[in-house]
PDB file of N, CA and C in Angstrom:
ATOM      1  N   MET A   1      82.375  -3.421 -40.177  1.00  0.00           N
ATOM      2  CA  MET A   1      82.823  -4.232 -41.297  1.00  0.00           C
ATOM      3  C   MET A   1      83.573  -3.397 -42.315  1.00  0.00           C
ATOM      4  N   GLU A   2      83.113  -2.143 -42.503  1.00  0.00           N
ATOM      5  CA  GLU A   2      83.814  -1.315 -43.482  1.00  0.00           C
ATOM      6  C   GLU A   2      85.225  -0.995 -43.020  1.00  0.00           C
ATOM      7  N   VAL A   3      85.371  -0.655 -41.746  1.00  0.00           N
ATOM      8  CA  VAL A   3      86.701  -0.337 -41.229  1.00  0.00           C
ATOM      9  C   VAL A   3      87.606  -1.558 -41.297  1.00  0.00           C
ATOM     10  N   LEU A   4      87.079  -2.722 -40.927  1.00  0.00           N
ATOM     11  CA  LEU A   4      87.888  -3.940 -41.019  1.00  0.00           C
ATOM     12  C   LEU A   4      88.253  -4.250 -42.468  1.00  0.00           C
ATOM     13  N   GLY A   5      87.298  -4.067 -43.388  1.00  0.00           N
ATOM     14  CA  GLY A   5      87.591  -4.278 -44.801  1.00  0.00           C
ATOM     15  C   GLY A   5      88.700  -3.357 -45.289  1.00  0.00           C
ATOM     16  N   ASP A   6      88.603  -2.088 -44.901  1.00  0.00           N
ATOM     17  CA  ASP A   6      89.651  -1.132 -45.283  1.00  0.00           C
ATOM     18  C   ASP A   6      90.994  -1.508 -44.669  1.00  0.00           C
ATOM     19  N   SER A   7      90.977  -1.981 -43.421  1.00  0.00           N
ATOM     20  CA  SER A   7      92.246  -2.364 -42.787  1.00  0.00           C
ATOM     21  C   SER A   7      92.853  -3.589 -43.475  1.00  0.00           C
ATOM     22  N   CYS A   8      92.014  -4.458 -44.029  1.00  0.00           N
ATOM     23  CA  CYS A   8      92.534  -5.604 -44.782  1.00  0.00           C
ATOM     24  C   CYS A   8      93.265  -5.130 -46.038  1.00  0.00           C
ATOM     25  N   PHE A   9      92.696  -4.124 -46.713  1.00  0.00           N
ATOM     26  CA  PHE A   9      93.380  -3.570 -47.884  1.00  0.00           C
ATOM     27  C   PHE A   9      94.708  -2.927 -47.479  1.00  0.00           C
ATOM     28  N   GLN A  10      94.710  -2.254 -46.346  1.00  0.00           N
ATOM     29  CA  GLN A  10      95.937  -1.642 -45.834  1.00  0.00           C
ATOM     30  C   GLN A  10      96.995  -2.735 -45.597  1.00  0.00           C
ATOM     31  N   SER A  11      96.578  -3.840 -45.006  1.00  0.00           N
ATOM     32  CA  SER A  11      97.508  -4.955 -44.773  1.00  0.00           C
ATOM     33  C   SER A  11      97.993  -5.560 -46.081  1.00  0.00           C
ATOM     34  N   ALA A  12      97.094  -5.684 -47.053  1.00  0.00           N
ATOM     35  CA  ALA A  12      97.475  -6.261 -48.346  1.00  0.00           C
ATOM     36  C   ALA A  12      98.499  -5.387 -49.062  1.00  0.00           C
ATOM     37  N   ILE A  13      98.307  -4.088 -49.000  1.00  0.00           N
ATOM     38  CA  ILE A  13      99.180  -3.176 -49.746  1.00  0.00           C
ATOM     39  C   ILE A  13     100.529  -2.997 -49.070  1.00  0.00           C
ATOM     40  N   TYR A  14     100.528  -2.837 -47.744  1.00  0.00           N
ATOM     41  CA  TYR A  14     101.757  -2.427 -47.062  1.00  0.00           C
ATOM     42  C   TYR A  14     102.411  -3.479 -46.177  1.00  0.00           C
ATOM     43  N   ARG A  15     101.708  -4.568 -45.859  1.00  0.00           N
ATOM     44  CA  ARG A  15     102.246  -5.474 -44.856  1.00  0.00           C
ATOM     45  C   ARG A  15     102.348  -6.932 -45.304  1.00  0.00           C
ATOM     46  N   SER A  16     102.092  -7.220 -46.568  1.00  0.00           N
ATOM     47  CA  SER A  16     102.165  -8.618 -46.994  1.00  0.00           C
ATOM     48  C   SER A  16     102.567  -8.706 -48.459  1.00  0.00           C
ATOM     49  N   SER A  17     102.795  -9.945 -48.891  1.00  0.00           N
ATOM     50  CA  SER A  17     103.136 -10.188 -50.298  1.00  0.00           C
ATOM     51  C   SER A  17     102.660 -11.582 -50.677  1.00  0.00           C
ATOM     52  N   GLY A  18     102.680 -11.873 -51.964  1.00  0.00           N
ATOM     53  CA  GLY A  18     102.317 -13.200 -52.463  1.00  0.00           C
ATOM     54  C   GLY A  18     100.894 -13.592 -52.137  1.00  0.00           C
ATOM     55  N   ALA A  19     100.735 -14.850 -51.695  1.00  0.00           N
ATOM     56  CA  ALA A  19      99.406 -15.387 -51.387  1.00  0.00           C
ATOM     57  C   ALA A  19      98.759 -14.647 -50.224  1.00  0.00           C
ATOM     58  N   GLY A  20      99.569 -14.210 -49.269  1.00  0.00           N
ATOM     59  CA  GLY A  20      99.034 -13.446 -48.144  1.00  0.00           C
ATOM     60  C   GLY A  20      98.377 -12.154 -48.610  1.00  0.00           C
ATOM     61  N   ARG A  21      98.999 -11.504 -49.571  1.00  0.00           N
ATOM     62  CA  ARG A  21      98.447 -10.268 -50.127  1.00  0.00           C
ATOM     63  C   ARG A  21      97.098 -10.532 -50.792  1.00  0.00           C
ATOM     64  N   ILE A  22      97.026 -11.611 -51.571  1.00  0.00           N
ATOM     65  CA  ILE A  22      95.767 -11.971 -52.243  1.00  0.00           C
ATOM     66  C   ILE A  22      94.686 -12.276 -51.203  1.00  0.00           C
ATOM     67  N   GLY A  23      95.063 -12.971 -50.137  1.00  0.00           N
ATOM     68  CA  GLY A  23      94.117 -13.300 -49.074  1.00  0.00           C
ATOM     69  C   GLY A  23      93.562 -12.050 -48.391  1.00  0.00           C
ATOM     70  N   TRP A  24      94.453 -11.096 -48.086  1.00  0.00           N
ATOM     71  CA  TRP A  24      93.997  -9.848 -47.460  1.00  0.00           C
ATOM     72  C   TRP A  24      93.068  -9.080 -48.392  1.00  0.00           C
ATOM     73  N   PHE A  25      93.410  -9.026 -49.693  1.00  0.00           N
ATOM     74  CA  PHE A  25      92.528  -8.349 -50.653  1.00  0.00           C
ATOM     75  C   PHE A  25      91.167  -9.035 -50.725  1.00  0.00           C
ATOM     76  N   ALA A  26      91.158 -10.359 -50.778  1.00  0.00           N
ATOM     77  CA  ALA A  26      89.893 -11.107 -50.866  1.00  0.00           C
ATOM     78  C   ALA A  26      89.045 -10.903 -49.612  1.00  0.00           C
ATOM     79  N   LEU A  27      89.676 -10.957 -48.444  1.00  0.00           N
ATOM     80  CA  LEU A  27      88.942 -10.745 -47.200  1.00  0.00           C
ATOM     81  C   LEU A  27      88.380  -9.322 -47.146  1.00  0.00           C
ATOM     82  N   GLY A  28      89.200  -8.346 -47.534  1.00  0.00           N
ATOM     83  CA  GLY A  28      88.750  -6.955 -47.544  1.00  0.00           C
ATOM     84  C   GLY A  28      87.574  -6.748 -48.487  1.00  0.00           C
ATOM     85  N   ALA A  29      87.669  -7.306 -49.682  1.00  0.00           N
ATOM     86  CA  ALA A  29      86.584  -7.153 -50.658  1.00  0.00           C
ATOM     87  C   ALA A  29      85.306  -7.823 -50.164  1.00  0.00           C
ATOM     88  N   SER A  30      85.435  -8.985 -49.536  1.00  0.00           N
ATOM     89  CA  SER A  30      84.264  -9.689 -49.007  1.00  0.00           C
ATOM     90  C   SER A  30      83.591  -8.892 -47.896  1.00  0.00           C
ATOM     91  N   LEU A  31      84.392  -8.356 -46.980  1.00  0.00           N
ATOM     92  CA  LEU A  31      83.829  -7.567 -45.884  1.00  0.00           C
ATOM     93  C   LEU A  31      83.132  -6.313 -46.401  1.00  0.00           C
ATOM     94  N   LEU A  32      83.750  -5.645 -47.366  1.00  0.00           N
ATOM     95  CA  LEU A  32      83.137  -4.422 -47.907  1.00  0.00           C
ATOM     96  C   LEU A  32      81.847  -4.724 -48.655  1.00  0.00           C
ATOM     97  N   ALA A  33      81.821  -5.824 -49.396  1.00  0.00           N
ATOM     98  CA  ALA A  33      80.598  -6.198 -50.108  1.00  0.00           C
ATOM     99  C   ALA A  33      79.488  -6.577 -49.130  1.00  0.00           C
ATOM    100  N   LEU A  34      79.816  -7.338 -48.101  1.00  0.00           N
ATOM    101  CA  LEU A  34      78.837  -7.721 -47.094  1.00  0.00           C
ATOM    102  C   LEU A  34      78.312  -6.490 -46.353  1.00  0.00           C
ATOM    103  N   TYR A  35      79.208  -5.594 -46.026  1.00  0.00           N
ATOM    104  CA  TYR A  35      78.805  -4.345 -45.377  1.00  0.00           C
ATOM    105  C   TYR A  35      77.818  -3.577 -46.264  1.00  0.00           C
ATOM    106  N   GLY A  36      78.149  -3.418 -47.525  1.00  0.00           N
ATOM    107  CA  GLY A  36      77.280  -2.685 -48.450  1.00  0.00           C
ATOM    108  C   GLY A  36      75.897  -3.303 -48.549  1.00  0.00           C
ATOM    109  N   LEU A  37      75.845  -4.611 -48.541  1.00  0.00           N
ATOM    110  CA  LEU A  37      74.563  -5.298 -48.597  1.00  0.00           C
ATOM    111  C   LEU A  37      73.762  -5.093 -47.309  1.00  0.00           C
ATOM    112  N   LEU A  38      74.395  -5.332 -46.176  1.00  0.00           N
ATOM    113  CA  LEU A  38      73.683  -5.256 -44.901  1.00  0.00           C
ATOM    114  C   LEU A  38      73.202  -3.849 -44.560  1.00  0.00           C
ATOM    115  N   VAL A  39      74.000  -2.848 -44.879  1.00  0.00           N
ATOM    116  CA  VAL A  39      73.606  -1.491 -44.518  1.00  0.00           C
ATOM    117  C   VAL A  39      72.481  -0.972 -45.406  1.00  0.00           C
ATOM    118  N   ASN A  40      72.327  -1.547 -46.587  1.00  0.00           N
ATOM    119  CA  ASN A  40      71.299  -1.063 -47.514  1.00  0.00           C
ATOM    120  C   ASN A  40      70.045  -1.919 -47.562  1.00  0.00           C
ATOM    121  N   LEU A  41      70.001  -3.046 -46.874  1.00  0.00           N
ATOM    122  CA  LEU A  41      68.798  -3.878 -46.866  1.00  0.00           C
ATOM    123  C   LEU A  41      67.609  -3.173 -46.201  1.00  0.00           C
ATOM    124  N   PRO A  42      67.772  -2.643 -44.990  1.00  0.00           N
ATOM    125  CA  PRO A  42      66.637  -1.935 -44.380  1.00  0.00           C
ATOM    126  C   PRO A  42      66.374  -0.620 -45.112  1.00  0.00           C
ATOM    127  N   GLN A  43      65.142  -0.170 -45.080  1.00  0.00           N
ATOM    128  CA  GLN A  43      64.808   1.098 -45.730  1.00  0.00           C
ATOM    129  C   GLN A  43      64.839   2.219 -44.689  1.00  0.00           C
ATOM    130  N   TRP A  44      66.057   2.663 -44.355  1.00  0.00           N
ATOM    131  CA  TRP A  44      66.259   3.713 -43.381  1.00  0.00           C
ATOM    132  C   TRP A  44      66.290   5.063 -44.077  1.00  0.00           C
ATOM    133  N   ASP A  45      66.151   6.117 -43.295  1.00  0.00           N
ATOM    134  CA  ASP A  45      66.347   7.485 -43.773  1.00  0.00           C
ATOM    135  C   ASP A  45      67.824   7.603 -44.152  1.00  0.00           C
ATOM    136  N   PHE A  46      68.107   7.622 -45.458  1.00  0.00           N
ATOM    137  CA  PHE A  46      69.482   7.519 -45.956  1.00  0.00           C
ATOM    138  C   PHE A  46      70.390   8.620 -45.410  1.00  0.00           C
ATOM    139  N   GLY A  47      69.919   9.867 -45.414  1.00  0.00           N
ATOM    140  CA  GLY A  47      70.749  10.972 -44.931  1.00  0.00           C
ATOM    141  C   GLY A  47      71.103  10.845 -43.466  1.00  0.00           C
ATOM    142  N   LYS A  48      70.116  10.508 -42.652  1.00  0.00           N
ATOM    143  CA  LYS A  48      70.360  10.343 -41.221  1.00  0.00           C
ATOM    144  C   LYS A  48      71.245   9.128 -40.977  1.00  0.00           C
ATOM    145  N   LEU A  49      70.969   8.049 -41.700  1.00  0.00           N
ATOM    146  CA  LEU A  49      71.764   6.833 -41.564  1.00  0.00           C
ATOM    147  C   LEU A  49      73.239   7.121 -41.799  1.00  0.00           C
ATOM    148  N   LEU A  50      73.551   7.775 -42.899  1.00  0.00           N
ATOM    149  CA  LEU A  50      74.961   8.031 -43.205  1.00  0.00           C
ATOM    150  C   LEU A  50      75.570   9.061 -42.268  1.00  0.00           C
ATOM    151  N   GLY A  51      74.769   9.986 -41.775  1.00  0.00           N
ATOM    152  CA  GLY A  51      75.285  10.944 -40.797  1.00  0.00           C
ATOM    153  C   GLY A  51      75.715  10.257 -39.517  1.00  0.00           C
ATOM    154  N   VAL A  52      74.861   9.395 -38.997  1.00  0.00           N
ATOM    155  CA  VAL A  52      75.189   8.664 -37.767  1.00  0.00           C
ATOM    156  C   VAL A  52      76.270   7.624 -38.040  1.00  0.00           C
ATOM    157  N   TYR A  53      76.263   7.058 -39.227  1.00  0.00           N
ATOM    158  CA  TYR A  53      77.283   6.081 -39.615  1.00  0.00           C
ATOM    159  C   TYR A  53      78.690   6.667 -39.495  1.00  0.00           C
ATOM    160  N   VAL A  54      78.839   7.944 -39.828  1.00  0.00           N
ATOM    161  CA  VAL A  54      80.153   8.590 -39.745  1.00  0.00           C
ATOM    162  C   VAL A  54      80.706   8.494 -38.327  1.00  0.00           C
ATOM    163  N   VAL A  55      79.833   8.612 -37.332  1.00  0.00           N
ATOM    164  CA  VAL A  55      80.260   8.507 -35.936  1.00  0.00           C
ATOM    165  C   VAL A  55      80.820   7.112 -35.667  1.00  0.00           C
ATOM    166  N   PHE A  56      80.059   6.092 -36.054  1.00  0.00           N
ATOM    167  CA  PHE A  56      80.522   4.720 -35.813  1.00  0.00           C
ATOM    168  C   PHE A  56      81.788   4.414 -36.608  1.00  0.00           C
ATOM    169  N   PHE A  57      81.862   4.924 -37.832  1.00  0.00           N
ATOM    170  CA  PHE A  57      83.050   4.718 -38.654  1.00  0.00           C
ATOM    171  C   PHE A  57      84.276   5.344 -37.980  1.00  0.00           C
ATOM    172  N   PHE A  58      84.120   6.569 -37.495  1.00  0.00           N
ATOM    173  CA  PHE A  58      85.237   7.251 -36.839  1.00  0.00           C
ATOM    174  C   PHE A  58      85.723   6.469 -35.618  1.00  0.00           C
ATOM    175  N   VAL A  59      84.793   6.086 -34.752  1.00  0.00           N
ATOM    176  CA  VAL A  59      85.166   5.373 -33.525  1.00  0.00           C
ATOM    177  C   VAL A  59      85.821   4.036 -33.867  1.00  0.00           C
ATOM    178  N   ALA A  60      85.230   3.288 -34.775  1.00  0.00           N
ATOM    179  CA  ALA A  60      85.809   1.996 -35.165  1.00  0.00           C
ATOM    180  C   ALA A  60      87.183   2.177 -35.797  1.00  0.00           C
ATOM    181  N   ALA A  61      87.348   3.213 -36.595  1.00  0.00           N
ATOM    182  CA  ALA A  61      88.641   3.461 -37.243  1.00  0.00           C
ATOM    183  C   ALA A  61      89.731   3.733 -36.213  1.00  0.00           C
ATOM    184  N   GLN A  62      89.396   4.463 -35.163  1.00  0.00           N
ATOM    185  CA  GLN A  62      90.390   4.759 -34.141  1.00  0.00           C
ATOM    186  C   GLN A  62      90.770   3.503 -33.366  1.00  0.00           C
ATOM    187  N   VAL A  63      89.788   2.662 -33.071  1.00  0.00           N
ATOM    188  CA  VAL A  63      90.071   1.406 -32.361  1.00  0.00           C
ATOM    189  C   VAL A  63      90.940   0.498 -33.224  1.00  0.00           C
ATOM    190  N   ILE A  64      90.587   0.337 -34.489  1.00  0.00           N
ATOM    191  CA  ILE A  64      91.367  -0.513 -35.394  1.00  0.00           C
ATOM    192  C   ILE A  64      92.773   0.049 -35.587  1.00  0.00           C
ATOM    193  N   ALA A  65      92.894   1.365 -35.730  1.00  0.00           N
ATOM    194  CA  ALA A  65      94.219   1.977 -35.906  1.00  0.00           C
ATOM    195  C   ALA A  65      95.112   1.691 -34.707  1.00  0.00           C
ATOM    196  N   LYS A  66      94.534   1.735 -33.518  1.00  0.00           N
ATOM    197  CA  LYS A  66      95.322   1.485 -32.314  1.00  0.00           C
ATOM    198  C   LYS A  66      95.645   0.003 -32.157  1.00  0.00           C
ATOM    199  N   VAL A  67      94.641  -0.853 -32.326  1.00  0.00           N
ATOM    200  CA  VAL A  67      94.818  -2.284 -32.065  1.00  0.00           C
ATOM    201  C   VAL A  67      95.632  -2.975 -33.157  1.00  0.00           C
ATOM    202  N   ARG A  68      95.294  -2.731 -34.429  1.00  0.00           N
ATOM    203  CA  ARG A  68      95.973  -3.451 -35.524  1.00  0.00           C
ATOM    204  C   ARG A  68      97.275  -2.809 -35.951  1.00  0.00           C
ATOM    205  N   PHE A  69      97.334  -1.456 -35.900  1.00  0.00           N
ATOM    206  CA  PHE A  69      98.497  -0.771 -36.454  1.00  0.00           C
ATOM    207  C   PHE A  69      99.293   0.014 -35.406  1.00  0.00           C
ATOM    208  N   ASN A  70      98.876  -0.074 -34.137  1.00  0.00           N
ATOM    209  CA  ASN A  70      99.559   0.592 -33.024  1.00  0.00           C
ATOM    210  C   ASN A  70      99.772   2.084 -33.274  1.00  0.00           C
ATOM    211  N   GLN A  71      98.776   2.734 -33.851  1.00  0.00           N
ATOM    212  CA  GLN A  71      98.845   4.168 -34.115  1.00  0.00           C
ATOM    213  C   GLN A  71      98.186   4.919 -32.965  1.00  0.00           C
ATOM    214  N   PRO A  72      98.858   5.929 -32.435  1.00  0.00           N
ATOM    215  CA  PRO A  72      98.276   6.668 -31.304  1.00  0.00           C
ATOM    216  C   PRO A  72      97.127   7.569 -31.749  1.00  0.00           C
ATOM    217  N   VAL A  73      96.225   7.841 -30.815  1.00  0.00           N
ATOM    218  CA  VAL A  73      95.140   8.786 -31.063  1.00  0.00           C
ATOM    219  C   VAL A  73      95.623  10.143 -30.556  1.00  0.00           C
ATOM    220  N   THR A  74      95.891  11.047 -31.484  1.00  0.00           N
ATOM    221  CA  THR A  74      96.463  12.345 -31.128  1.00  0.00           C
ATOM    222  C   THR A  74      95.376  13.303 -30.634  1.00  0.00           C
ATOM    223  N   LEU A  75      95.813  14.401 -30.022  1.00  0.00           N
ATOM    224  CA  LEU A  75      94.871  15.395 -29.512  1.00  0.00           C
ATOM    225  C   LEU A  75      93.972  15.967 -30.607  1.00  0.00           C
ATOM    226  N   PRO A  76      94.501  16.343 -31.785  1.00  0.00           N
ATOM    227  CA  PRO A  76      93.605  16.850 -32.830  1.00  0.00           C
ATOM    228  C   PRO A  76      92.554  15.823 -33.262  1.00  0.00           C
ATOM    229  N   VAL A  77      92.921  14.553 -33.279  1.00  0.00           N
ATOM    230  CA  VAL A  77      91.968  13.504 -33.643  1.00  0.00           C
ATOM    231  C   VAL A  77      90.902  13.377 -32.554  1.00  0.00           C
ATOM    232  N   ARG A  78      91.305  13.487 -31.303  1.00  0.00           N
ATOM    233  CA  ARG A  78      90.337  13.420 -30.197  1.00  0.00           C
ATOM    234  C   ARG A  78      89.366  14.592 -30.233  1.00  0.00           C
ATOM    235  N   VAL A  79      89.886  15.790 -30.475  1.00  0.00           N
ATOM    236  CA  VAL A  79      89.014  16.971 -30.521  1.00  0.00           C
ATOM    237  C   VAL A  79      88.063  16.881 -31.714  1.00  0.00           C
ATOM    238  N   GLY A  80      88.594  16.562 -32.887  1.00  0.00           N
ATOM    239  CA  GLY A  80      87.746  16.396 -34.064  1.00  0.00           C
ATOM    240  C   GLY A  80      86.744  15.281 -33.869  1.00  0.00           C
ATOM    241  N   GLY A  81      87.174  14.198 -33.246  1.00  0.00           N
ATOM    242  CA  GLY A  81      86.276  13.081 -32.974  1.00  0.00           C
ATOM    243  C   GLY A  81      85.157  13.467 -32.025  1.00  0.00           C
ATOM    244  N   ALA A  82      85.461  14.299 -31.038  1.00  0.00           N
ATOM    245  CA  ALA A  82      84.422  14.768 -30.116  1.00  0.00           C
ATOM    246  C   ALA A  82      83.356  15.552 -30.882  1.00  0.00           C
ATOM    247  N   LEU A  83      83.785  16.358 -31.860  1.00  0.00           N
ATOM    248  CA  LEU A  83      82.822  17.103 -32.676  1.00  0.00           C
ATOM    249  C   LEU A  83      81.982  16.162 -33.537  1.00  0.00           C
ATOM    250  N   ILE A  84      82.612  15.132 -34.078  1.00  0.00           N
ATOM    251  CA  ILE A  84      81.882  14.152 -34.885  1.00  0.00           C
ATOM    252  C   ILE A  84      80.827  13.444 -34.029  1.00  0.00           C
ATOM    253  N   VAL A  85      81.228  13.002 -32.836  1.00  0.00           N
ATOM    254  CA  VAL A  85      80.298  12.308 -31.945  1.00  0.00           C
ATOM    255  C   VAL A  85      79.174  13.248 -31.516  1.00  0.00           C
ATOM    256  N   ALA A  86      79.510  14.508 -31.224  1.00  0.00           N
ATOM    257  CA  ALA A  86      78.476  15.481 -30.851  1.00  0.00           C
ATOM    258  C   ALA A  86      77.468  15.658 -31.986  1.00  0.00           C
ATOM    259  N   GLY A  87      77.944  15.725 -33.215  1.00  0.00           N
ATOM    260  CA  GLY A  87      77.053  15.845 -34.366  1.00  0.00           C
ATOM    261  C   GLY A  87      76.142  14.638 -34.502  1.00  0.00           C
ATOM    262  N   GLY A  88      76.677  13.455 -34.259  1.00  0.00           N
ATOM    263  CA  GLY A  88      75.870  12.241 -34.310  1.00  0.00           C
ATOM    264  C   GLY A  88      74.791  12.241 -33.239  1.00  0.00           C
ATOM    265  N   LEU A  89      75.130  12.726 -32.059  1.00  0.00           N
ATOM    266  CA  LEU A  89      74.131  12.801 -30.992  1.00  0.00           C
ATOM    267  C   LEU A  89      73.021  13.780 -31.351  1.00  0.00           C
ATOM    268  N   VAL A  90      73.390  14.923 -31.936  1.00  0.00           N
ATOM    269  CA  VAL A  90      72.373  15.900 -32.349  1.00  0.00           C
ATOM    270  C   VAL A  90      71.421  15.269 -33.366  1.00  0.00           C
ATOM    271  N   MET A  91      71.981  14.599 -34.371  1.00  0.00           N
ATOM    272  CA  MET A  91      71.146  13.976 -35.409  1.00  0.00           C
ATOM    273  C   MET A  91      70.252  12.883 -34.842  1.00  0.00           C
ATOM    274  N   SER A  92      70.763  12.139 -33.869  1.00  0.00           N
ATOM    275  CA  SER A  92      70.008  11.018 -33.325  1.00  0.00           C
ATOM    276  C   SER A  92      68.942  11.433 -32.321  1.00  0.00           C
ATOM    277  N   LEU A  93      69.247  12.430 -31.512  1.00  0.00           N
ATOM    278  CA  LEU A  93      68.378  12.752 -30.391  1.00  0.00           C
ATOM    279  C   LEU A  93      67.444  13.939 -30.630  1.00  0.00           C
ATOM    280  N   TRP A  94      67.743  14.765 -31.616  1.00  0.00           N
ATOM    281  CA  TRP A  94      66.921  15.950 -31.878  1.00  0.00           C
ATOM    282  C   TRP A  94      65.559  15.522 -32.389  1.00  0.00           C
ATOM    283  N   LYS A  95      64.527  15.933 -31.685  1.00  0.00           N
ATOM    284  CA  LYS A  95      63.153  15.616 -32.101  1.00  0.00           C
ATOM    285  C   LYS A  95      62.560  16.822 -32.809  1.00  0.00           C
ATOM    286  N   SER A  96      62.201  16.680 -34.105  1.00  0.00           N
ATOM    287  CA  SER A  96      61.664  17.819 -34.837  1.00  0.00           C
ATOM    288  C   SER A  96      60.161  17.895 -34.744  1.00  0.00           C
TER     289      SER A  96
END
């Protein structure tokens, strides 16, 4: 929801005007507010939650960038993304 909300703002700023722009801003703000509410309702370990969240945010951002904006996933993004995903796996699977 956060990535979609951000992409709505991107569409409002760079790809629309008039009523369409207002609609994209409203949709983006609604998605971001709903995301903020849903992610904070459960009482999760905040540090771990946000650490693993970065992995999902990265993956979703790459999918949205490709599908909505036709932006390629470059080699540096893939390598950096692999490190992000590896970090998420360590945080999720490491038993202390």
